[in-house]
N, C-alpha and C. Protein backbone atom coordinates (compact mmCIF):
# COMPACT_ATOMS: atom_id res chain seq x y z
N MET A 1 36.11 94.60 66.66
CA MET A 1 35.86 94.39 65.10
C MET A 1 37.43 93.79 65.09
N PHE A 2 38.53 94.51 65.74
CA PHE A 2 40.09 94.32 65.19
C PHE A 2 40.48 93.69 66.49
N ARG A 3 40.57 93.07 67.74
CA ARG A 3 40.47 92.17 68.73
C ARG A 3 41.72 91.98 68.95
N PHE A 4 41.99 91.09 67.50
CA PHE A 4 43.16 90.11 67.86
C PHE A 4 44.23 91.03 67.35
N LEU A 5 43.82 92.59 67.29
CA LEU A 5 45.17 93.24 66.58
C LEU A 5 45.47 93.89 68.55
N TYR A 6 44.57 93.91 69.17
CA TYR A 6 44.78 95.07 69.82
C TYR A 6 45.74 94.04 71.44
N PRO A 7 46.45 94.99 71.62
CA PRO A 7 47.25 93.80 72.95
C PRO A 7 46.54 94.43 74.24
N HIS A 8 46.93 92.88 75.11
CA HIS A 8 46.20 93.51 75.94
C HIS A 8 46.49 94.11 76.79
N TYR A 9 47.75 94.68 77.17
CA TYR A 9 48.72 95.50 78.01
C TYR A 9 49.49 96.26 77.09
N ARG A 10 49.84 97.33 77.73
CA ARG A 10 51.08 98.23 76.73
C ARG A 10 52.03 98.92 77.85
N VAL A 11 53.15 98.70 77.77
CA VAL A 11 54.58 98.96 78.50
C VAL A 11 55.26 99.93 77.83
N ASN A 12 56.04 100.74 78.31
CA ASN A 12 56.92 101.62 77.80
C ASN A 12 58.37 100.27 77.19
N SER A 13 58.99 99.58 78.16
CA SER A 13 59.84 98.67 78.17
C SER A 13 58.90 97.46 78.82
N VAL A 14 60.29 96.72 78.51
CA VAL A 14 60.32 95.66 80.09
C VAL A 14 60.25 95.28 81.22
N LEU A 15 61.34 96.53 81.34
CA LEU A 15 62.10 96.42 82.85
C LEU A 15 60.09 97.10 83.66
N GLU A 16 59.38 97.74 82.96
CA GLU A 16 58.55 98.14 83.77
C GLU A 16 57.51 96.56 84.32
N LEU A 17 57.88 95.22 84.33
CA LEU A 17 57.48 94.05 84.03
C LEU A 17 57.36 94.22 85.35
N THR A 18 57.43 93.98 86.47
CA THR A 18 57.34 93.82 88.00
C THR A 18 56.99 92.28 88.15
N GLY A 19 58.00 91.70 88.73
CA GLY A 19 57.59 90.18 89.70
C GLY A 19 55.93 90.28 90.04
N GLU A 20 55.76 90.88 90.86
CA GLU A 20 54.86 91.47 91.98
C GLU A 20 53.66 91.76 90.71
N TRP A 21 53.57 92.21 89.67
CA TRP A 21 52.75 93.00 88.61
C TRP A 21 52.34 91.19 87.83
N LEU A 22 53.45 90.86 87.30
CA LEU A 22 53.04 89.34 86.89
C LEU A 22 52.18 88.54 87.60
N ILE A 23 52.71 87.94 88.97
CA ILE A 23 51.90 87.57 89.90
C ILE A 23 50.69 88.12 89.89
N GLN A 24 50.25 89.51 90.54
CA GLN A 24 48.98 89.57 90.32
C GLN A 24 47.93 89.55 88.76
N GLN A 25 48.80 89.41 87.72
CA GLN A 25 47.90 89.12 86.29
C GLN A 25 48.07 87.76 86.57
N GLU A 26 48.49 87.02 87.48
CA GLU A 26 48.76 85.20 87.14
C GLU A 26 49.59 84.90 85.96
N ILE A 27 50.55 85.51 85.47
CA ILE A 27 51.27 85.09 83.89
C ILE A 27 52.40 84.83 84.79
N PHE A 28 52.97 83.57 84.45
CA PHE A 28 54.08 82.45 85.33
C PHE A 28 55.02 82.44 83.96
N THR A 29 54.58 82.19 82.80
CA THR A 29 55.95 82.31 81.60
C THR A 29 55.61 83.38 80.30
N ILE A 30 56.74 83.72 80.85
CA ILE A 30 56.68 84.69 79.21
C ILE A 30 57.15 84.01 77.87
N PHE A 31 56.52 84.24 77.01
CA PHE A 31 57.39 84.28 75.29
C PHE A 31 58.28 85.53 75.41
N LEU A 32 58.83 85.91 74.84
CA LEU A 32 60.10 86.76 74.62
C LEU A 32 60.52 86.91 73.30
N ASP A 33 59.54 88.29 72.69
CA ASP A 33 60.57 88.51 71.69
C ASP A 33 61.68 88.91 71.67
N VAL A 34 62.47 89.13 70.60
CA VAL A 34 63.92 89.87 71.12
C VAL A 34 64.60 90.82 70.60
N ASP A 35 64.05 91.15 68.93
CA ASP A 35 64.85 92.52 68.96
C ASP A 35 64.47 93.50 68.78
N ASN A 36 65.17 94.65 69.54
CA ASN A 36 63.80 95.76 69.93
C ASN A 36 62.97 95.95 71.14
N THR A 37 63.01 94.26 71.80
CA THR A 37 62.15 94.42 72.77
C THR A 37 63.07 93.91 73.93
N ILE A 38 63.84 92.98 73.80
CA ILE A 38 65.07 93.05 74.59
C ILE A 38 66.76 93.14 74.42
N LYS A 39 66.71 93.67 73.30
CA LYS A 39 68.01 94.12 72.80
C LYS A 39 68.00 94.75 71.68
N PHE A 40 68.74 95.37 71.61
CA PHE A 40 68.74 96.59 70.24
C PHE A 40 69.15 95.97 68.74
N TYR A 41 68.18 96.41 67.71
CA TYR A 41 68.68 95.42 67.24
C TYR A 41 70.05 94.98 66.16
N LYS A 42 71.09 95.86 66.10
CA LYS A 42 71.82 95.59 65.67
C LYS A 42 72.97 95.41 66.71
N SER A 43 72.57 94.99 67.42
CA SER A 43 73.42 94.32 69.37
C SER A 43 73.25 92.63 68.42
N THR A 44 74.62 92.35 69.52
CA THR A 44 74.22 91.11 69.46
C THR A 44 74.43 90.82 70.95
N LEU A 45 74.57 91.28 71.53
CA LEU A 45 74.20 90.75 72.85
C LEU A 45 73.25 92.15 74.02
N VAL A 46 72.64 91.19 74.56
CA VAL A 46 71.70 92.12 75.61
C VAL A 46 72.09 93.24 76.81
N THR A 47 71.13 94.12 76.94
CA THR A 47 71.81 95.09 78.34
C THR A 47 72.06 94.36 79.48
N SER A 48 72.91 94.58 80.07
CA SER A 48 73.09 94.64 81.88
C SER A 48 72.07 94.31 82.51
N ASP A 49 71.23 95.35 81.92
CA ASP A 49 69.68 95.91 82.95
C ASP A 49 68.50 94.67 82.70
N VAL A 50 68.39 94.54 81.34
CA VAL A 50 67.68 93.27 81.19
C VAL A 50 68.10 92.17 81.31
N VAL A 51 69.39 91.54 81.46
CA VAL A 51 69.81 90.17 81.64
C VAL A 51 69.45 90.44 83.62
N ASP A 52 69.74 91.57 84.24
CA ASP A 52 69.18 91.42 85.51
C ASP A 52 67.28 91.45 85.78
N TRP A 53 66.86 92.02 84.83
CA TRP A 53 65.62 91.90 85.32
C TRP A 53 64.94 90.68 84.86
N ILE A 54 65.39 89.95 83.70
CA ILE A 54 64.94 88.77 83.73
C ILE A 54 65.84 87.52 84.88
N HIS A 55 66.97 87.89 85.67
CA HIS A 55 67.25 87.05 86.35
C HIS A 55 66.14 87.09 88.26
N GLU A 56 65.84 88.63 88.02
CA GLU A 56 65.22 88.69 89.07
C GLU A 56 64.05 88.10 89.17
N LEU A 57 63.29 88.22 87.98
CA LEU A 57 61.71 87.62 87.78
C LEU A 57 61.53 85.90 87.80
N GLN A 58 62.96 85.32 87.32
CA GLN A 58 62.97 84.26 87.52
C GLN A 58 63.32 83.60 88.88
N ARG A 59 63.64 84.78 89.69
CA ARG A 59 63.98 84.85 90.95
C ARG A 59 62.54 84.33 91.73
N ASN A 60 61.42 85.34 91.36
CA ASN A 60 59.65 85.14 91.14
C ASN A 60 59.79 84.07 90.53
N HIS A 61 60.14 83.14 89.64
CA HIS A 61 59.30 81.54 89.74
C HIS A 61 58.77 82.44 88.36
N ILE A 62 59.34 83.37 87.53
CA ILE A 62 58.61 83.61 86.50
C ILE A 62 59.47 82.43 84.69
N GLN A 63 59.19 81.73 83.86
CA GLN A 63 59.64 81.07 83.01
C GLN A 63 59.78 82.27 81.66
N PHE A 64 60.76 81.80 80.82
CA PHE A 64 61.10 82.57 79.87
C PHE A 64 62.04 81.41 78.86
N TYR A 65 61.04 82.29 77.39
CA TYR A 65 61.47 81.33 76.68
C TYR A 65 61.43 82.12 75.44
N LEU A 66 62.29 82.17 74.74
CA LEU A 66 62.58 83.28 73.60
C LEU A 66 61.88 83.05 72.20
N VAL A 67 61.30 83.50 71.56
CA VAL A 67 60.26 83.13 70.55
C VAL A 67 60.37 84.11 69.56
N SER A 68 61.10 84.20 69.11
CA SER A 68 61.64 85.25 67.84
C SER A 68 61.58 84.73 66.44
N ASN A 69 61.88 85.44 65.10
CA ASN A 69 61.23 85.12 63.61
C ASN A 69 62.77 86.03 63.34
N GLY A 70 63.56 86.29 63.78
CA GLY A 70 65.59 85.99 63.99
C GLY A 70 65.65 84.28 63.35
N LEU A 71 67.19 84.19 62.91
CA LEU A 71 67.31 83.22 62.17
C LEU A 71 67.98 82.38 63.39
N SER A 72 67.51 80.94 63.71
CA SER A 72 67.70 80.15 64.84
C SER A 72 69.46 80.47 65.70
N LYS A 73 70.03 81.04 64.42
CA LYS A 73 72.20 80.60 64.88
C LYS A 73 72.15 81.99 65.21
N ARG A 74 71.19 83.48 64.45
CA ARG A 74 72.04 84.42 65.15
C ARG A 74 70.60 85.00 67.14
N ILE A 75 69.47 84.26 66.71
CA ILE A 75 69.29 84.03 68.26
C ILE A 75 69.38 83.59 69.68
N SER A 76 69.97 82.24 68.87
CA SER A 76 70.78 80.67 70.06
C SER A 76 71.79 82.13 70.91
N HIS A 77 72.68 82.34 70.29
CA HIS A 77 73.62 83.51 70.31
C HIS A 77 73.05 84.02 72.17
N VAL A 78 71.74 84.79 71.61
CA VAL A 78 70.70 85.54 73.18
C VAL A 78 70.44 84.87 73.80
N ALA A 79 70.10 83.16 73.34
CA ALA A 79 69.19 83.10 74.48
C ALA A 79 70.92 82.21 75.23
N GLU A 80 71.88 81.68 74.69
CA GLU A 80 73.18 81.38 75.52
C GLU A 80 73.27 82.03 76.43
N GLN A 81 73.33 84.05 76.05
CA GLN A 81 74.10 84.17 77.19
C GLN A 81 72.89 84.52 78.45
N LEU A 82 71.48 84.45 77.52
CA LEU A 82 70.85 84.88 79.23
C LEU A 82 70.28 82.94 79.46
N GLY A 83 70.24 81.79 79.07
CA GLY A 83 70.60 81.19 79.86
C GLY A 83 69.18 80.24 79.43
N LEU A 84 68.45 80.37 77.75
CA LEU A 84 66.85 80.63 78.12
C LEU A 84 66.87 79.25 77.21
N GLU A 85 65.48 78.85 76.59
CA GLU A 85 65.37 78.15 75.80
C GLU A 85 64.27 79.18 74.15
N TYR A 86 64.71 78.39 73.10
CA TYR A 86 64.53 79.36 71.91
C TYR A 86 63.46 78.83 71.20
N ALA A 87 62.76 79.64 70.50
CA ALA A 87 62.49 78.88 69.29
C ALA A 87 62.39 79.97 68.35
N ALA A 88 63.53 80.02 67.00
CA ALA A 88 63.31 80.69 65.69
C ALA A 88 63.68 79.87 64.80
N PRO A 89 63.67 80.58 63.91
CA PRO A 89 62.64 81.04 63.44
C PRO A 89 60.76 81.11 63.84
N ALA A 90 60.27 81.96 64.42
CA ALA A 90 58.66 81.55 64.93
C ALA A 90 57.47 81.38 63.97
N TYR A 91 57.95 82.14 63.08
CA TYR A 91 56.89 82.91 61.88
C TYR A 91 56.13 83.40 62.82
N LYS A 92 56.14 84.40 63.36
CA LYS A 92 55.24 84.92 63.54
C LYS A 92 54.59 85.82 62.56
N PRO A 93 53.33 86.26 62.61
CA PRO A 93 52.16 86.02 63.25
C PRO A 93 51.23 84.89 63.62
N PHE A 94 52.17 83.88 62.52
CA PHE A 94 51.64 83.03 62.94
C PHE A 94 51.42 82.81 64.47
N PRO A 95 50.41 81.97 65.28
CA PRO A 95 50.53 81.15 66.11
C PRO A 95 50.99 79.89 66.37
N TYR A 96 51.87 79.27 64.95
CA TYR A 96 51.78 77.67 65.62
C TYR A 96 53.00 77.59 66.60
N VAL A 97 54.34 78.34 66.34
CA VAL A 97 55.21 78.04 67.29
C VAL A 97 54.79 78.38 68.88
N CYS A 98 53.69 79.38 69.23
CA CYS A 98 53.32 79.30 70.25
C CYS A 98 52.97 78.36 71.14
N ARG A 99 51.74 78.26 70.12
CA ARG A 99 51.36 76.52 70.38
C ARG A 99 51.58 75.23 70.74
N ARG A 100 52.67 75.49 69.74
CA ARG A 100 53.91 74.13 69.55
C ARG A 100 54.14 74.11 71.15
N LEU A 101 55.28 75.01 71.11
CA LEU A 101 55.65 75.46 72.63
C LEU A 101 55.10 75.18 74.10
N MET A 102 53.44 75.50 73.71
CA MET A 102 52.74 75.74 75.60
C MET A 102 52.92 73.70 75.01
N CYS A 103 52.24 73.17 74.43
CA CYS A 103 52.25 71.83 73.88
C CYS A 103 53.40 71.16 74.73
N HIS A 104 54.01 71.16 74.06
CA HIS A 104 55.55 70.55 74.94
C HIS A 104 55.71 70.92 75.57
N GLU A 105 56.00 72.60 76.70
CA GLU A 105 56.33 72.22 77.66
C GLU A 105 55.00 71.98 78.39
N LYS A 106 54.01 71.63 78.34
CA LYS A 106 52.53 71.90 78.77
C LYS A 106 52.13 72.89 79.82
N LEU A 107 52.68 74.09 78.95
CA LEU A 107 52.03 75.17 79.48
C LEU A 107 50.63 75.45 79.80
N ASP A 108 49.75 76.01 80.75
CA ASP A 108 48.59 76.59 80.34
C ASP A 108 48.45 77.47 79.68
N PRO A 109 48.00 77.94 78.80
CA PRO A 109 47.58 79.26 78.31
C PRO A 109 47.10 80.36 78.74
N GLN A 110 46.63 80.24 79.77
CA GLN A 110 45.71 80.77 80.69
C GLN A 110 47.01 81.86 81.16
N TYR A 111 48.24 81.27 82.03
CA TYR A 111 48.89 81.33 82.35
C TYR A 111 50.59 82.12 81.54
N VAL A 112 50.00 82.24 80.07
CA VAL A 112 51.14 82.63 79.37
C VAL A 112 51.30 84.04 78.59
N ALA A 113 52.36 84.77 78.65
CA ALA A 113 52.07 86.00 77.78
C ALA A 113 53.15 86.26 76.38
N MET A 114 52.89 86.70 75.72
CA MET A 114 53.90 87.29 74.55
C MET A 114 54.43 88.31 74.92
N VAL A 115 55.96 88.53 74.97
CA VAL A 115 56.08 89.97 75.14
C VAL A 115 56.97 90.45 74.24
N GLY A 116 56.09 91.57 73.14
CA GLY A 116 57.19 92.14 72.36
C GLY A 116 57.05 92.99 71.61
N ASP A 117 57.46 93.70 70.34
CA ASP A 117 57.65 95.55 70.34
C ASP A 117 56.75 95.44 68.76
N GLN A 118 56.37 94.53 68.07
CA GLN A 118 55.14 94.80 67.18
C GLN A 118 53.93 94.26 66.59
N VAL A 119 52.68 94.82 66.67
CA VAL A 119 51.54 94.51 66.32
C VAL A 119 51.43 93.10 65.77
N PHE A 120 51.92 93.54 64.20
CA PHE A 120 52.28 92.65 63.48
C PHE A 120 52.28 91.51 63.30
N THR A 121 53.41 90.95 64.09
CA THR A 121 54.17 90.32 64.46
C THR A 121 53.56 89.62 65.96
N ASP A 122 54.02 90.32 67.06
CA ASP A 122 54.49 89.82 68.32
C ASP A 122 53.04 89.35 69.00
N VAL A 123 51.71 90.54 68.82
CA VAL A 123 50.56 91.13 69.45
C VAL A 123 50.11 89.95 69.17
N ILE A 124 49.63 89.81 66.87
CA ILE A 124 48.48 88.98 66.65
C ILE A 124 49.06 87.75 67.24
N ALA A 125 50.46 86.94 66.79
CA ALA A 125 51.10 85.74 67.34
C ALA A 125 49.92 85.66 68.47
N GLY A 126 50.17 85.78 69.08
CA GLY A 126 49.57 85.90 70.60
C GLY A 126 48.69 85.63 71.29
N ASN A 127 47.47 87.07 70.22
CA ASN A 127 46.49 87.09 70.47
C ASN A 127 46.01 85.57 69.35
N LEU A 128 46.01 85.17 68.41
CA LEU A 128 45.86 84.08 67.92
C LEU A 128 46.12 82.89 68.36
N ALA A 129 47.15 82.61 69.33
CA ALA A 129 47.62 81.28 70.03
C ALA A 129 46.57 81.45 71.40
N GLY A 130 45.73 82.44 72.06
CA GLY A 130 44.89 82.23 72.73
C GLY A 130 45.42 82.63 74.27
N ILE A 131 46.60 83.51 74.13
CA ILE A 131 47.53 83.65 75.68
C ILE A 131 47.68 85.62 76.10
N ARG A 132 47.61 86.08 76.07
CA ARG A 132 47.97 87.79 76.66
C ARG A 132 49.09 88.06 76.23
N THR A 133 48.60 89.43 75.33
CA THR A 133 50.08 90.15 74.93
C THR A 133 50.26 91.50 75.68
N ILE A 134 51.54 91.69 75.48
CA ILE A 134 51.83 92.34 76.45
C ILE A 134 52.97 93.34 74.72
N LEU A 135 52.71 94.46 74.60
CA LEU A 135 53.11 95.25 73.77
C LEU A 135 54.21 96.55 74.44
N VAL A 136 55.24 96.64 74.09
CA VAL A 136 56.81 97.65 74.06
C VAL A 136 56.61 98.62 73.71
N LYS A 137 57.40 99.33 73.47
CA LYS A 137 57.84 100.52 72.86
C LYS A 137 59.49 99.68 72.07
N PRO A 138 59.36 99.43 70.87
CA PRO A 138 60.60 99.23 70.67
C PRO A 138 62.28 100.34 70.98
N MET A 139 62.97 99.59 71.34
CA MET A 139 64.06 100.14 71.81
C MET A 139 64.74 101.23 71.07
N ARG A 140 65.22 100.31 69.68
CA ARG A 140 65.71 101.74 68.59
C ARG A 140 64.92 101.43 67.15
N PRO A 141 63.86 101.72 67.35
CA PRO A 141 63.20 101.57 66.02
C PRO A 141 64.45 102.10 64.85
N GLU A 142 64.59 103.11 64.59
CA GLU A 142 65.85 103.37 63.66
C GLU A 142 66.23 102.91 62.83
N GLN A 143 67.11 101.46 64.05
CA GLN A 143 67.97 101.13 63.69
C GLN A 143 67.27 99.65 62.63
N GLU A 144 66.13 99.27 62.21
CA GLU A 144 65.28 98.49 62.20
C GLU A 144 65.50 98.15 61.00
N PRO A 145 65.31 97.21 60.45
CA PRO A 145 65.54 96.88 58.71
C PRO A 145 63.90 97.39 58.30
N PHE A 146 64.36 97.92 56.80
CA PHE A 146 63.18 98.73 56.13
C PHE A 146 61.89 98.40 56.17
N PHE A 147 61.34 96.87 55.98
CA PHE A 147 60.41 96.55 56.02
C PHE A 147 59.63 96.43 57.06
N THR A 148 60.19 96.53 58.48
CA THR A 148 59.82 96.78 59.46
C THR A 148 59.15 98.43 59.77
N ARG A 149 60.58 99.01 59.65
CA ARG A 149 60.37 100.34 59.65
C ARG A 149 58.64 100.85 59.05
N MET A 150 58.47 99.78 57.62
CA MET A 150 57.85 100.29 56.86
C MET A 150 56.00 100.03 57.63
N LYS A 151 55.82 99.22 58.36
CA LYS A 151 54.51 98.87 58.65
C LYS A 151 54.47 99.64 60.88
N ARG A 152 55.11 100.50 61.01
CA ARG A 152 55.30 101.34 61.78
C ARG A 152 54.31 102.37 62.10
N PRO A 153 54.03 102.75 61.09
CA PRO A 153 52.93 104.27 60.75
C PRO A 153 51.60 103.08 61.28
N PHE A 154 51.50 101.80 60.46
CA PHE A 154 49.84 101.08 60.66
C PHE A 154 50.07 100.71 61.69
N GLU A 155 50.96 100.46 62.92
CA GLU A 155 50.91 100.32 63.66
C GLU A 155 49.96 100.92 65.02
N GLN A 156 51.07 102.11 64.47
CA GLN A 156 50.11 103.16 64.96
C GLN A 156 48.80 103.95 65.07
N TRP A 157 48.40 103.44 63.29
CA TRP A 157 46.95 103.68 63.38
C TRP A 157 46.38 102.59 63.97
N VAL A 158 46.81 100.85 63.74
CA VAL A 158 45.57 100.78 64.40
C VAL A 158 45.54 100.58 66.07
N LEU A 159 46.74 101.42 66.69
CA LEU A 159 46.34 101.32 68.18
C LEU A 159 45.45 102.70 68.64
N LYS A 160 45.66 103.71 67.38
CA LYS A 160 44.43 104.69 67.58
C LYS A 160 43.48 104.41 67.46
N LEU A 161 42.78 103.20 66.71
CA LEU A 161 41.96 102.87 66.58
C LEU A 161 41.50 102.24 67.52
N GLU A 162 42.05 101.44 68.31
CA GLU A 162 41.92 100.17 69.60
C GLU A 162 40.86 101.44 70.50
N ARG A 163 41.95 102.59 70.89
CA ARG A 163 41.47 103.64 71.67
C ARG A 163 40.08 104.17 71.20
N SER A 164 40.04 104.56 70.14
CA SER A 164 38.64 105.16 69.85
C SER A 164 37.42 104.42 69.82
N GLU A 165 37.78 102.85 69.81
CA GLU A 165 37.30 101.73 69.71
C GLU A 165 36.65 101.77 70.80
N TYR A 166 37.39 101.55 71.86
CA TYR A 166 36.85 101.15 73.55
C TYR A 166 36.52 102.56 73.87
N SER A 167 36.44 103.74 73.29
CA SER A 167 36.53 104.83 73.92
C SER A 167 34.64 105.76 74.02
N GLU A 168 34.47 104.48 72.81
CA GLU A 168 32.84 104.61 72.32
C GLU A 168 32.34 103.34 73.17
N GLN A 169 32.55 102.76 73.42
CA GLN A 169 31.43 101.61 74.40
C GLN A 169 31.51 102.15 75.87
């Protein structure tokens, strides 16, 4: 019933996404959220382990695009650090930026995944755009703005609902 709220996959960290696993799943392009997905909310830099992870996956021919609701000026610094293209603000949960990016870059949605830490932005945007979604645990949720922290209990409720919905089938 609420399928658009449910991620296709769940992991603790982006670092769990290996090139081998992504290739097995036929995911060759990742739309990557920024805050609390690849960097701490209040930090301006991505940690070295995440930088290494991105470079390793790029060597496995995985493409990345940063897709963030953050302001362009702030996200451009992260994109520059990583050498990646970006779309910001992306206005997630609306799927339009994801769709526009796929159209502009001539990407087949079958091979694209949205990776992020929020159900009500990243997962919904990816699902509505017709791509697979990978939900990661937020890196430091205590640093998030109030409006994001307010949504977290509802996200947990949705994820519990998902488990019960699928256990009944």
